[in-house]
Amino acid sequence: MTNKKQPIKKAVALSYNTEMTAPTIIASGQGKVAERIIEEAEKNKLPVYEDEKMATILTKLEVGDQIPEELYEAIARILLFVKDMDELYGKTK
């Protein structure tokens, strides 16, 4: 039996509305901080989208940074997921 080391959990919270030029990072962290970000999202009934590769990329940016243009397509897919979840659970029309 091999002992694989679990990757360190990473999490990033994004904010976006149509008045913004790009989604903005509002929280970011690893380990216990990541766990806290996820707990707060779940507590506030916010959708959580898991993508380890994207989280790794986004945790290299700073809180307050806008998402760089080269990530727009990937982030758009995440925002579509969030929108679909909101509609599914009756949060938006």
C-alpha atoms as a PDB file:
ATOM      1  CA  MET A   1       0.000   0.000   0.000  1.00  0.00           C
ATOM      2  CA  THR A   2       1.407   3.388  -0.988  1.00  0.00           C
ATOM      3  CA  ASN A   3       1.015   6.432   1.163  1.00  0.00           C
ATOM      4  CA  LYS A   4       0.037   9.284  -1.135  1.00  0.00           C
ATOM      5  CA  LYS A   5       0.339  12.682   0.405  1.00  0.00           C
ATOM      6  CA  GLN A   6      -2.901  14.658   0.181  1.00  0.00           C
ATOM      7  CA  PRO A   7      -2.527  17.944  -1.693  1.00  0.00           C
ATOM      8  CA  ILE A   8      -2.945  21.082   0.378  1.00  0.00           C
ATOM      9  CA  LYS A   9      -6.501  22.357   0.015  1.00  0.00           C
ATOM     10  CA  LYS A  10      -6.753  25.681  -1.826  1.00  0.00           C
ATOM     11  CA  ALA A  11      -9.747  27.984  -2.198  1.00  0.00           C
ATOM     12  CA  VAL A  12     -10.499  31.282  -3.881  1.00  0.00           C
ATOM     13  CA  ALA A  13     -13.675  33.349  -3.618  1.00  0.00           C
ATOM     14  CA  LEU A  14     -14.649  35.495  -6.588  1.00  0.00           C
ATOM     15  CA  SER A  15     -17.010  38.422  -6.907  1.00  0.00           C
ATOM     16  CA  TYR A  16     -18.562  39.536 -10.147  1.00  0.00           C
ATOM     17  CA  ASN A  17     -21.398  41.696 -11.386  1.00  0.00           C
ATOM     18  CA  THR A  18     -22.150  43.163 -14.801  1.00  0.00           C
ATOM     19  CA  GLU A  19     -20.743  46.552 -13.796  1.00  0.00           C
ATOM     20  CA  MET A  20     -17.273  45.051 -13.248  1.00  0.00           C
ATOM     21  CA  THR A  21     -14.759  44.645 -16.060  1.00  0.00           C
ATOM     22  CA  ALA A  22     -13.687  41.231 -14.738  1.00  0.00           C
ATOM     23  CA  PRO A  23     -14.290  38.952 -11.736  1.00  0.00           C
ATOM     24  CA  THR A  24     -12.277  39.974  -8.691  1.00  0.00           C
ATOM     25  CA  ILE A  25     -10.653  37.818  -6.018  1.00  0.00           C
ATOM     26  CA  ILE A  26     -12.208  38.613  -2.635  1.00  0.00           C
ATOM     27  CA  ALA A  27     -10.625  35.802  -0.583  1.00  0.00           C
ATOM     28  CA  SER A  28      -7.823  33.340  -1.174  1.00  0.00           C
ATOM     29  CA  GLY A  29      -5.928  30.837   0.883  1.00  0.00           C
ATOM     30  CA  GLN A  30      -4.519  27.391   1.489  1.00  0.00           C
ATOM     31  CA  GLY A  31      -4.908  24.820   4.237  1.00  0.00           C
ATOM     32  CA  LYS A  32      -6.988  26.066   7.181  1.00  0.00           C
ATOM     33  CA  VAL A  33      -7.718  29.381   5.411  1.00  0.00           C
ATOM     34  CA  ALA A  34      -9.089  27.474   2.406  1.00  0.00           C
ATOM     35  CA  GLU A  35     -11.237  25.343   4.688  1.00  0.00           C
ATOM     36  CA  ARG A  36     -12.618  28.498   6.302  1.00  0.00           C
ATOM     37  CA  ILE A  37     -13.421  30.064   2.893  1.00  0.00           C
ATOM     38  CA  ILE A  38     -15.333  26.920   1.908  1.00  0.00           C
ATOM     39  CA  GLU A  39     -17.140  26.786   5.270  1.00  0.00           C
ATOM     40  CA  GLU A  40     -18.251  30.406   4.894  1.00  0.00           C
ATOM     41  CA  ALA A  41     -19.492  29.769   1.357  1.00  0.00           C
ATOM     42  CA  GLU A  42     -21.481  26.746   2.482  1.00  0.00           C
ATOM     43  CA  LYS A  43     -22.815  28.567   5.534  1.00  0.00           C
ATOM     44  CA  ASN A  44     -24.044  31.373   3.272  1.00  0.00           C
ATOM     45  CA  LYS A  45     -25.471  28.859   0.778  1.00  0.00           C
ATOM     46  CA  LEU A  46     -23.078  29.951  -1.970  1.00  0.00           C
ATOM     47  CA  PRO A  47     -22.178  27.426  -4.671  1.00  0.00           C
ATOM     48  CA  VAL A  48     -18.744  25.844  -4.339  1.00  0.00           C
ATOM     49  CA  TYR A  49     -17.036  24.827  -7.575  1.00  0.00           C
ATOM     50  CA  GLU A  50     -14.097  22.457  -7.221  1.00  0.00           C
ATOM     51  CA  ASP A  51     -11.227  22.704  -9.683  1.00  0.00           C
ATOM     52  CA  GLU A  52      -7.820  22.000  -8.183  1.00  0.00           C
ATOM     53  CA  LYS A  53      -5.858  23.321 -11.172  1.00  0.00           C
ATOM     54  CA  MET A  54      -7.832  26.586 -11.308  1.00  0.00           C
ATOM     55  CA  ALA A  55      -7.504  27.051  -7.543  1.00  0.00           C
ATOM     56  CA  THR A  56      -3.740  26.617  -7.833  1.00  0.00           C
ATOM     57  CA  ILE A  57      -3.564  29.266 -10.556  1.00  0.00           C
ATOM     58  CA  LEU A  58      -5.859  31.698  -8.752  1.00  0.00           C
ATOM     59  CA  THR A  59      -4.118  31.410  -5.371  1.00  0.00           C
ATOM     60  CA  LYS A  60      -1.026  32.891  -7.035  1.00  0.00           C
ATOM     61  CA  LEU A  61      -2.974  36.141  -7.507  1.00  0.00           C
ATOM     62  CA  GLU A  62      -3.644  38.664  -4.750  1.00  0.00           C
ATOM     63  CA  VAL A  63      -6.924  39.502  -3.033  1.00  0.00           C
ATOM     64  CA  GLY A  64      -8.342  42.476  -4.927  1.00  0.00           C
ATOM     65  CA  ASP A  65      -6.826  41.390  -8.256  1.00  0.00           C
ATOM     66  CA  GLN A  66      -9.064  41.048 -11.263  1.00  0.00           C
ATOM     67  CA  ILE A  67      -8.924  37.796 -13.178  1.00  0.00           C
ATOM     68  CA  PRO A  68      -6.449  38.094 -16.077  1.00  0.00           C
ATOM     69  CA  GLU A  69      -7.903  37.994 -19.580  1.00  0.00           C
ATOM     70  CA  GLU A  70      -6.315  34.626 -20.390  1.00  0.00           C
ATOM     71  CA  LEU A  71      -8.524  33.037 -17.690  1.00  0.00           C
ATOM     72  CA  TYR A  72     -11.818  34.615 -18.826  1.00  0.00           C
ATOM     73  CA  GLU A  73     -13.083  31.527 -20.654  1.00  0.00           C
ATOM     74  CA  ALA A  74     -12.398  29.173 -17.741  1.00  0.00           C
ATOM     75  CA  ILE A  75     -13.888  31.601 -15.211  1.00  0.00           C
ATOM     76  CA  ALA A  76     -16.927  32.132 -17.464  1.00  0.00           C
ATOM     77  CA  ARG A  77     -17.619  28.380 -17.205  1.00  0.00           C
ATOM     78  CA  ILE A  78     -17.449  28.639 -13.419  1.00  0.00           C
ATOM     79  CA  LEU A  79     -19.775  31.652 -13.352  1.00  0.00           C
ATOM     80  CA  LEU A  80     -22.214  29.771 -15.596  1.00  0.00           C
ATOM     81  CA  PHE A  81     -22.136  26.888 -13.104  1.00  0.00           C
ATOM     82  CA  VAL A  82     -22.884  29.332 -10.259  1.00  0.00           C
ATOM     83  CA  LYS A  83     -25.747  30.891 -12.233  1.00  0.00           C
ATOM     84  CA  ASP A  84     -27.203  27.448 -12.972  1.00  0.00           C
ATOM     85  CA  MET A  85     -26.978  26.482  -9.291  1.00  0.00           C
ATOM     86  CA  ASP A  86     -28.654  29.742  -8.254  1.00  0.00           C
ATOM     87  CA  GLU A  87     -31.480  29.094 -10.703  1.00  0.00           C
ATOM     88  CA  LEU A  88     -31.789  25.463  -9.628  1.00  0.00           C
ATOM     89  CA  TYR A  89     -32.149  26.490  -5.990  1.00  0.00           C
ATOM     90  CA  GLY A  90     -34.417  29.448  -6.762  1.00  0.00           C
ATOM     91  CA  LYS A  91     -32.005  32.263  -5.887  1.00  0.00           C
ATOM     92  CA  THR A  92     -32.449  34.098  -9.214  1.00  0.00           C
ATOM     93  CA  LYS A  93     -34.937  34.278 -12.019  1.00  0.00           C
END
